Amino acid sequence: MTATSGLVPRLTAGQLEVFHMLAAGLTVSQIATRLCRAKSCVSMRIARACLALDARTTVQAVHIATRLGLLDVPASTGGTP
């Protein structure tokens, strides 16, 4: 069940939590600190979510998750006030 198979993949609550933080611009180290987890735990959540989404990079995975409606990321304002 991957993003390219036509079915919406299931991500765990932990994976979604990490992806929300990634989408907000946090680094793996910052996420690990906020969650009181090891960086390797955060990295594993990212890696498994990338596999589920059939993504090659974290940026691609966040984009796919957003497109599929798994993440609610506010639209960019383009840097203009």
PDB file of N, CA and C in Angstrom:
ATOM      1  N   MET A   1       0.844  -1.176   0.000  1.00  0.00           N
ATOM      2  CA  MET A   1       0.000   0.000   0.000  1.00  0.00           C
ATOM      3  C   MET A   1       0.889   1.239   0.000  1.00  0.00           C
ATOM      4  N   THR A   2       1.198   1.726  -1.170  1.00  0.00           N
ATOM      5  CA  THR A   2       2.045   2.907  -1.290  1.00  0.00           C
ATOM      6  C   THR A   2       1.279   4.049  -1.920  1.00  0.00           C
ATOM      7  N   ALA A   3       1.911   5.227  -1.899  1.00  0.00           N
ATOM      8  CA  ALA A   3       1.263   6.419  -2.436  1.00  0.00           C
ATOM      9  C   ALA A   3       0.973   6.284  -3.928  1.00  0.00           C
ATOM     10  N   THR A   4       1.741   5.460  -4.618  1.00  0.00           N
ATOM     11  CA  THR A   4       1.543   5.317  -6.059  1.00  0.00           C
ATOM     12  C   THR A   4       0.560   4.213  -6.408  1.00  0.00           C
ATOM     13  N   SER A   5       0.100   3.446  -5.438  1.00  0.00           N
ATOM     14  CA  SER A   5      -0.810   2.335  -5.715  1.00  0.00           C
ATOM     15  C   SER A   5      -2.271   2.766  -5.789  1.00  0.00           C
ATOM     16  N   GLY A   6      -2.546   4.040  -5.534  1.00  0.00           N
ATOM     17  CA  GLY A   6      -3.911   4.524  -5.576  1.00  0.00           C
ATOM     18  C   GLY A   6      -4.593   4.497  -4.223  1.00  0.00           C
ATOM     19  N   LEU A   7      -4.003   3.846  -3.240  1.00  0.00           N
ATOM     20  CA  LEU A   7      -4.539   3.806  -1.892  1.00  0.00           C
ATOM     21  C   LEU A   7      -3.773   4.799  -1.022  1.00  0.00           C
ATOM     22  N   VAL A   8      -4.461   5.383  -0.069  1.00  0.00           N
ATOM     23  CA  VAL A   8      -3.790   6.302   0.848  1.00  0.00           C
ATOM     24  C   VAL A   8      -3.080   5.467   1.906  1.00  0.00           C
ATOM     25  N   PRO A   9      -1.749   5.619   2.004  1.00  0.00           N
ATOM     26  CA  PRO A   9      -1.008   4.839   2.992  1.00  0.00           C
ATOM     27  C   PRO A   9      -1.333   5.293   4.409  1.00  0.00           C
ATOM     28  N   ARG A  10      -1.176   4.387   5.335  1.00  0.00           N
ATOM     29  CA  ARG A  10      -1.400   4.720   6.738  1.00  0.00           C
ATOM     30  C   ARG A  10      -0.067   5.035   7.384  1.00  0.00           C
ATOM     31  N   LEU A  11      -0.019   6.168   8.039  1.00  0.00           N
ATOM     32  CA  LEU A  11       1.148   6.531   8.830  1.00  0.00           C
ATOM     33  C   LEU A  11       0.748   6.454  10.294  1.00  0.00           C
ATOM     34  N   THR A  12       1.705   6.087  11.130  1.00  0.00           N
ATOM     35  CA  THR A  12       1.416   6.019  12.557  1.00  0.00           C
ATOM     36  C   THR A  12       1.264   7.421  13.116  1.00  0.00           C
ATOM     37  N   ALA A  13       0.697   7.514  14.301  1.00  0.00           N
ATOM     38  CA  ALA A  13       0.552   8.815  14.959  1.00  0.00           C
ATOM     39  C   ALA A  13       1.921   9.449  15.181  1.00  0.00           C
ATOM     40  N   GLY A  14       2.910   8.626  15.528  1.00  0.00           N
ATOM     41  CA  GLY A  14       4.265   9.134  15.735  1.00  0.00           C
ATOM     42  C   GLY A  14       4.886   9.673  14.459  1.00  0.00           C
ATOM     43  N   GLN A  15       4.665   8.972  13.356  1.00  0.00           N
ATOM     44  CA  GLN A  15       5.180   9.446  12.066  1.00  0.00           C
ATOM     45  C   GLN A  15       4.520  10.762  11.668  1.00  0.00           C
ATOM     46  N   LEU A  16       3.221  10.863  11.853  1.00  0.00           N
ATOM     47  CA  LEU A  16       2.519  12.097  11.520  1.00  0.00           C
ATOM     48  C   LEU A  16       2.989  13.253  12.401  1.00  0.00           C
ATOM     49  N   GLU A  17       3.206  12.968  13.677  1.00  0.00           N
ATOM     50  CA  GLU A  17       3.702  13.997  14.602  1.00  0.00           C
ATOM     51  C   GLU A  17       5.050  14.536  14.132  1.00  0.00           C
ATOM     52  N   VAL A  18       5.937  13.629  13.741  1.00  0.00           N
ATOM     53  CA  VAL A  18       7.248  14.025  13.249  1.00  0.00           C
ATOM     54  C   VAL A  18       7.113  14.811  11.946  1.00  0.00           C
ATOM     55  N   PHE A  19       6.244  14.376  11.058  1.00  0.00           N
ATOM     56  CA  PHE A  19       6.074  15.069   9.777  1.00  0.00           C
ATOM     57  C   PHE A  19       5.502  16.469   9.964  1.00  0.00           C
ATOM     58  N   HIS A  20       4.607  16.650  10.927  1.00  0.00           N
ATOM     59  CA  HIS A  20       4.100  17.993  11.212  1.00  0.00           C
ATOM     60  C   HIS A  20       5.247  18.915  11.640  1.00  0.00           C
ATOM     61  N   MET A  21       6.134  18.385  12.446  1.00  0.00           N
ATOM     62  CA  MET A  21       7.271  19.185  12.904  1.00  0.00           C
ATOM     63  C   MET A  21       8.255  19.458  11.767  1.00  0.00           C
ATOM     64  N   LEU A  22       8.473  18.464  10.912  1.00  0.00           N
ATOM     65  CA  LEU A  22       9.329  18.674   9.744  1.00  0.00           C
ATOM     66  C   LEU A  22       8.746  19.753   8.836  1.00  0.00           C
ATOM     67  N   ALA A  23       7.441  19.685   8.620  1.00  0.00           N
ATOM     68  CA  ALA A  23       6.770  20.665   7.767  1.00  0.00           C
ATOM     69  C   ALA A  23       6.862  22.068   8.359  1.00  0.00           C
ATOM     70  N   ALA A  24       6.967  22.143   9.679  1.00  0.00           N
ATOM     71  CA  ALA A  24       7.104  23.433  10.355  1.00  0.00           C
ATOM     72  C   ALA A  24       8.546  23.941  10.321  1.00  0.00           C
ATOM     73  N   GLY A  25       9.457  23.120   9.788  1.00  0.00           N
ATOM     74  CA  GLY A  25      10.841  23.557   9.627  1.00  0.00           C
ATOM     75  C   GLY A  25      11.809  23.093  10.699  1.00  0.00           C
ATOM     76  N   LEU A  26      11.374  22.209  11.591  1.00  0.00           N
ATOM     77  CA  LEU A  26      12.270  21.719  12.636  1.00  0.00           C
ATOM     78  C   LEU A  26      13.232  20.681  12.088  1.00  0.00           C
ATOM     79  N   THR A  27      14.406  20.610  12.675  1.00  0.00           N
ATOM     80  CA  THR A  27      15.397  19.609  12.298  1.00  0.00           C
ATOM     81  C   THR A  27      15.146  18.329  13.089  1.00  0.00           C
ATOM     82  N   VAL A  28      15.800  17.266  12.688  1.00  0.00           N
ATOM     83  CA  VAL A  28      15.681  15.993  13.400  1.00  0.00           C
ATOM     84  C   VAL A  28      16.108  16.165  14.855  1.00  0.00           C
ATOM     85  N   SER A  29      17.189  16.894  15.085  1.00  0.00           N
ATOM     86  CA  SER A  29      17.663  17.128  16.457  1.00  0.00           C
ATOM     87  C   SER A  29      16.638  17.885  17.288  1.00  0.00           C
ATOM     88  N   GLN A  30      16.031  18.902  16.702  1.00  0.00           N
ATOM     89  CA  GLN A  30      15.019  19.678  17.414  1.00  0.00           C
ATOM     90  C   GLN A  30      13.790  18.839  17.721  1.00  0.00           C
ATOM     91  N   ILE A  31      13.387  18.013  16.771  1.00  0.00           N
ATOM     92  CA  ILE A  31      12.235  17.133  16.979  1.00  0.00           C
ATOM     93  C   ILE A  31      12.537  16.140  18.092  1.00  0.00           C
ATOM     94  N   ALA A  32      13.713  15.544  18.057  1.00  0.00           N
ATOM     95  CA  ALA A  32      14.108  14.578  19.083  1.00  0.00           C
ATOM     96  C   ALA A  32      14.074  15.216  20.466  1.00  0.00           C
ATOM     97  N   THR A  33      14.551  16.431  20.567  1.00  0.00           N
ATOM     98  CA  THR A  33      14.543  17.137  21.851  1.00  0.00           C
ATOM     99  C   THR A  33      13.113  17.384  22.324  1.00  0.00           C
ATOM    100  N   ARG A  34      12.254  17.845  21.437  1.00  0.00           N
ATOM    101  CA  ARG A  34      10.861  18.129  21.797  1.00  0.00           C
ATOM    102  C   ARG A  34      10.108  16.875  22.221  1.00  0.00           C
ATOM    103  N   LEU A  35      10.415  15.756  21.577  1.00  0.00           N
ATOM    104  CA  LEU A  35       9.715  14.507  21.875  1.00  0.00           C
ATOM    105  C   LEU A  35      10.409  13.682  22.959  1.00  0.00           C
ATOM    106  N   CYS A  36      11.551  14.162  23.422  1.00  0.00           N
ATOM    107  CA  CYS A  36      12.352  13.411  24.406  1.00  0.00           C
ATOM    108  C   CYS A  36      12.674  12.013  23.882  1.00  0.00           C
ATOM    109  N   ARG A  37      13.095  11.965  22.631  1.00  0.00           N
ATOM    110  CA  ARG A  37      13.472  10.718  21.962  1.00  0.00           C
ATOM    111  C   ARG A  37      14.883  10.852  21.406  1.00  0.00           C
ATOM    112  N   ALA A  38      15.491   9.739  21.111  1.00  0.00           N
ATOM    113  CA  ALA A  38      16.793   9.741  20.459  1.00  0.00           C
ATOM    114  C   ALA A  38      16.618  10.169  19.003  1.00  0.00           C
ATOM    115  N   LYS A  39      17.648  10.807  18.458  1.00  0.00           N
ATOM    116  CA  LYS A  39      17.602  11.198  17.047  1.00  0.00           C
ATOM    117  C   LYS A  39      17.384   9.990  16.155  1.00  0.00           C
ATOM    118  N   SER A  40      17.949   8.844  16.543  1.00  0.00           N
ATOM    119  CA  SER A  40      17.786   7.633  15.737  1.00  0.00           C
ATOM    120  C   SER A  40      16.325   7.185  15.696  1.00  0.00           C
ATOM    121  N   CYS A  41      15.576   7.394  16.767  1.00  0.00           N
ATOM    122  CA  CYS A  41      14.148   7.055  16.801  1.00  0.00           C
ATOM    123  C   CYS A  41      13.381   7.947  15.830  1.00  0.00           C
ATOM    124  N   VAL A  42      13.673   9.236  15.843  1.00  0.00           N
ATOM    125  CA  VAL A  42      13.019  10.184  14.933  1.00  0.00           C
ATOM    126  C   VAL A  42      13.378   9.836  13.492  1.00  0.00           C
ATOM    127  N   SER A  43      14.643   9.561  13.247  1.00  0.00           N
ATOM    128  CA  SER A  43      15.092   9.212  11.898  1.00  0.00           C
ATOM    129  C   SER A  43      14.414   7.938  11.397  1.00  0.00           C
ATOM    130  N   MET A  44      14.198   6.979  12.289  1.00  0.00           N
ATOM    131  CA  MET A  44      13.524   5.729  11.907  1.00  0.00           C
ATOM    132  C   MET A  44      12.070   5.996  11.551  1.00  0.00           C
ATOM    133  N   ARG A  45      11.414   6.858  12.299  1.00  0.00           N
ATOM    134  CA  ARG A  45      10.023   7.199  11.977  1.00  0.00           C
ATOM    135  C   ARG A  45       9.950   7.841  10.595  1.00  0.00           C
ATOM    136  N   ILE A  46      10.904   8.710  10.308  1.00  0.00           N
ATOM    137  CA  ILE A  46      10.942   9.367   8.999  1.00  0.00           C
ATOM    138  C   ILE A  46      11.186   8.339   7.901  1.00  0.00           C
ATOM    139  N   ALA A  47      12.152   7.458   8.122  1.00  0.00           N
ATOM    140  CA  ALA A  47      12.498   6.454   7.107  1.00  0.00           C
ATOM    141  C   ALA A  47      11.322   5.531   6.815  1.00  0.00           C
ATOM    142  N   ARG A  48      10.624   5.099   7.849  1.00  0.00           N
ATOM    143  CA  ARG A  48       9.483   4.193   7.642  1.00  0.00           C
ATOM    144  C   ARG A  48       8.320   4.906   6.957  1.00  0.00           C
ATOM    145  N   ALA A  49       8.129   6.170   7.281  1.00  0.00           N
ATOM    146  CA  ALA A  49       7.080   6.942   6.614  1.00  0.00           C
ATOM    147  C   ALA A  49       7.431   7.154   5.145  1.00  0.00           C
ATOM    148  N   CYS A  50       8.713   7.403   4.869  1.00  0.00           N
ATOM    149  CA  CYS A  50       9.148   7.554   3.471  1.00  0.00           C
ATOM    150  C   CYS A  50       8.872   6.279   2.689  1.00  0.00           C
ATOM    151  N   LEU A  51       9.126   5.135   3.281  1.00  0.00           N
ATOM    152  CA  LEU A  51       8.827   3.863   2.622  1.00  0.00           C
ATOM    153  C   LEU A  51       7.335   3.720   2.365  1.00  0.00           C
ATOM    154  N   ALA A  52       6.529   4.040   3.362  1.00  0.00           N
ATOM    155  CA  ALA A  52       5.077   3.915   3.210  1.00  0.00           C
ATOM    156  C   ALA A  52       4.548   4.839   2.117  1.00  0.00           C
ATOM    157  N   LEU A  53       5.187   6.004   1.968  1.00  0.00           N
ATOM    158  CA  LEU A  53       4.743   6.983   0.980  1.00  0.00           C
ATOM    159  C   LEU A  53       5.447   6.825  -0.362  1.00  0.00           C
ATOM    160  N   ASP A  54       6.356   5.869  -0.443  1.00  0.00           N
ATOM    161  CA  ASP A  54       7.131   5.636  -1.664  1.00  0.00           C
ATOM    162  C   ASP A  54       7.918   6.891  -2.062  1.00  0.00           C
ATOM    163  N   ALA A  55       8.491   7.546  -1.064  1.00  0.00           N
ATOM    164  CA  ALA A  55       9.243   8.784  -1.277  1.00  0.00           C
ATOM    165  C   ALA A  55      10.734   8.513  -1.132  1.00  0.00           C
ATOM    166  N   ARG A  56      11.519   9.216  -1.927  1.00  0.00           N
ATOM    167  CA  ARG A  56      12.976   9.054  -1.870  1.00  0.00           C
ATOM    168  C   ARG A  56      13.628   9.995  -0.872  1.00  0.00           C
ATOM    169  N   THR A  57      12.990  11.126  -0.613  1.00  0.00           N
ATOM    170  CA  THR A  57      13.553  12.114   0.318  1.00  0.00           C
ATOM    171  C   THR A  57      12.490  12.524   1.326  1.00  0.00           C
ATOM    172  N   THR A  58      12.939  13.131   2.410  1.00  0.00           N
ATOM    173  CA  THR A  58      12.021  13.622   3.426  1.00  0.00           C
ATOM    174  C   THR A  58      11.138  14.736   2.867  1.00  0.00           C
ATOM    175  N   VAL A  59      11.731  15.621   2.087  1.00  0.00           N
ATOM    176  CA  VAL A  59      10.962  16.715   1.494  1.00  0.00           C
ATOM    177  C   VAL A  59       9.863  16.156   0.594  1.00  0.00           C
ATOM    178  N   GLN A  60      10.208  15.160  -0.205  1.00  0.00           N
ATOM    179  CA  GLN A  60       9.222  14.532  -1.077  1.00  0.00           C
ATOM    180  C   GLN A  60       8.126  13.871  -0.249  1.00  0.00           C
ATOM    181  N   ALA A  61       8.499  13.225   0.847  1.00  0.00           N
ATOM    182  CA  ALA A  61       7.519  12.556   1.699  1.00  0.00           C
ATOM    183  C   ALA A  61       6.549  13.557   2.318  1.00  0.00           C
ATOM    184  N   VAL A  62       7.060  14.687   2.796  1.00  0.00           N
ATOM    185  CA  VAL A  62       6.188  15.718   3.365  1.00  0.00           C
ATOM    186  C   VAL A  62       5.246  16.246   2.286  1.00  0.00           C
ATOM    187  N   HIS A  63       5.762  16.437   1.085  1.00  0.00           N
ATOM    188  CA  HIS A  63       4.934  16.915  -0.023  1.00  0.00           C
ATOM    189  C   HIS A  63       3.824  15.906  -0.346  1.00  0.00           C
ATOM    190  N   ILE A  64       4.170  14.642  -0.424  1.00  0.00           N
ATOM    191  CA  ILE A  64       3.184  13.597  -0.726  1.00  0.00           C
ATOM    192  C   ILE A  64       2.132  13.533   0.384  1.00  0.00           C
ATOM    193  N   ALA A  65       2.585  13.548   1.637  1.00  0.00           N
ATOM    194  CA  ALA A  65       1.651  13.476   2.764  1.00  0.00           C
ATOM    195  C   ALA A  65       0.696  14.664   2.754  1.00  0.00           C
ATOM    196  N   THR A  66       1.199  15.825   2.396  1.00  0.00           N
ATOM    197  CA  THR A  66       0.347  17.017   2.316  1.00  0.00           C
ATOM    198  C   THR A  66      -0.660  16.876   1.182  1.00  0.00           C
ATOM    199  N   ARG A  67      -0.180  16.441   0.025  1.00  0.00           N
ATOM    200  CA  ARG A  67      -1.048  16.267  -1.144  1.00  0.00           C
ATOM    201  C   ARG A  67      -2.156  15.249  -0.876  1.00  0.00           C
ATOM    202  N   LEU A  68      -1.838  14.198  -0.109  1.00  0.00           N
ATOM    203  CA  LEU A  68      -2.819  13.163   0.201  1.00  0.00           C
ATOM    204  C   LEU A  68      -3.765  13.560   1.334  1.00  0.00           C
ATOM    205  N   GLY A  69      -3.523  14.727   1.923  1.00  0.00           N
ATOM    206  CA  GLY A  69      -4.374  15.193   3.010  1.00  0.00           C
ATOM    207  C   GLY A  69      -4.013  14.622   4.365  1.00  0.00           C
ATOM    208  N   LEU A  70      -2.843  13.998   4.468  1.00  0.00           N
ATOM    209  CA  LEU A  70      -2.401  13.448   5.746  1.00  0.00           C
ATOM    210  C   LEU A  70      -1.851  14.540   6.661  1.00  0.00           C
ATOM    211  N   LEU A  71      -1.370  15.615   6.064  1.00  0.00           N
ATOM    212  CA  LEU A  71      -0.848  16.768   6.809  1.00  0.00           C
ATOM    213  C   LEU A  71      -1.640  18.000   6.419  1.00  0.00           C
ATOM    214  N   ASP A  72      -1.918  18.827   7.377  1.00  0.00           N
ATOM    215  CA  ASP A  72      -2.580  20.098   7.105  1.00  0.00           C
ATOM    216  C   ASP A  72      -1.535  21.199   7.292  1.00  0.00           C
ATOM    217  N   VAL A  73      -0.927  21.577   6.176  1.00  0.00           N
ATOM    218  CA  VAL A  73       0.130  22.588   6.211  1.00  0.00           C
ATOM    219  C   VAL A  73      -0.421  23.867   5.607  1.00  0.00           C
ATOM    220  N   PRO A  74      -0.349  24.987   6.358  1.00  0.00           N
ATOM    221  CA  PRO A  74      -0.862  26.241   5.810  1.00  0.00           C
ATOM    222  C   PRO A  74      -0.087  26.660   4.572  1.00  0.00           C
ATOM    223  N   ALA A  75      -0.777  27.286   3.649  1.00  0.00           N
ATOM    224  CA  ALA A  75      -0.142  27.754   2.406  1.00  0.00           C
ATOM    225  C   ALA A  75       0.866  28.846   2.729  1.00  0.00           C
ATOM    226  N   SER A  76       1.940  28.869   1.963  1.00  0.00           N
ATOM    227  CA  SER A  76       2.965  29.889   2.129  1.00  0.00           C
ATOM    228  C   SER A  76       2.437  31.228   1.652  1.00  0.00           C
ATOM    229  N   THR A  77       2.875  32.275   2.330  1.00  0.00           N
ATOM    230  CA  THR A  77       2.460  33.620   1.933  1.00  0.00           C
ATOM    231  C   THR A  77       3.397  34.213   0.897  1.00  0.00           C
ATOM    232  N   GLY A  78       4.448  33.471   0.555  1.00  0.00           N
ATOM    233  CA  GLY A  78       5.389  33.950  -0.435  1.00  0.00           C
ATOM    234  C   GLY A  78       6.342  35.004   0.087  1.00  0.00           C
ATOM    235  N   GLY A  79       6.374  35.191   1.401  1.00  0.00           N
ATOM    236  CA  GLY A  79       7.311  36.126   2.009  1.00  0.00           C
ATOM    237  C   GLY A  79       6.855  37.575   1.991  1.00  0.00           C
ATOM    238  N   THR A  80       5.625  37.820   1.547  1.00  0.00           N
ATOM    239  CA  THR A  80       5.138  39.188   1.538  1.00  0.00           C
ATOM    240  C   THR A  80       4.141  39.388   2.664  1.00  0.00           C
ATOM    241  N   PRO A  81       4.246  40.484   3.377  1.00  0.00           N
ATOM    242  CA  PRO A  81       3.333  40.724   4.508  1.00  0.00           C
ATOM    243  C   PRO A  81       1.924  41.050   4.061  1.00  0.00           C
TER     244      PRO A  81
END
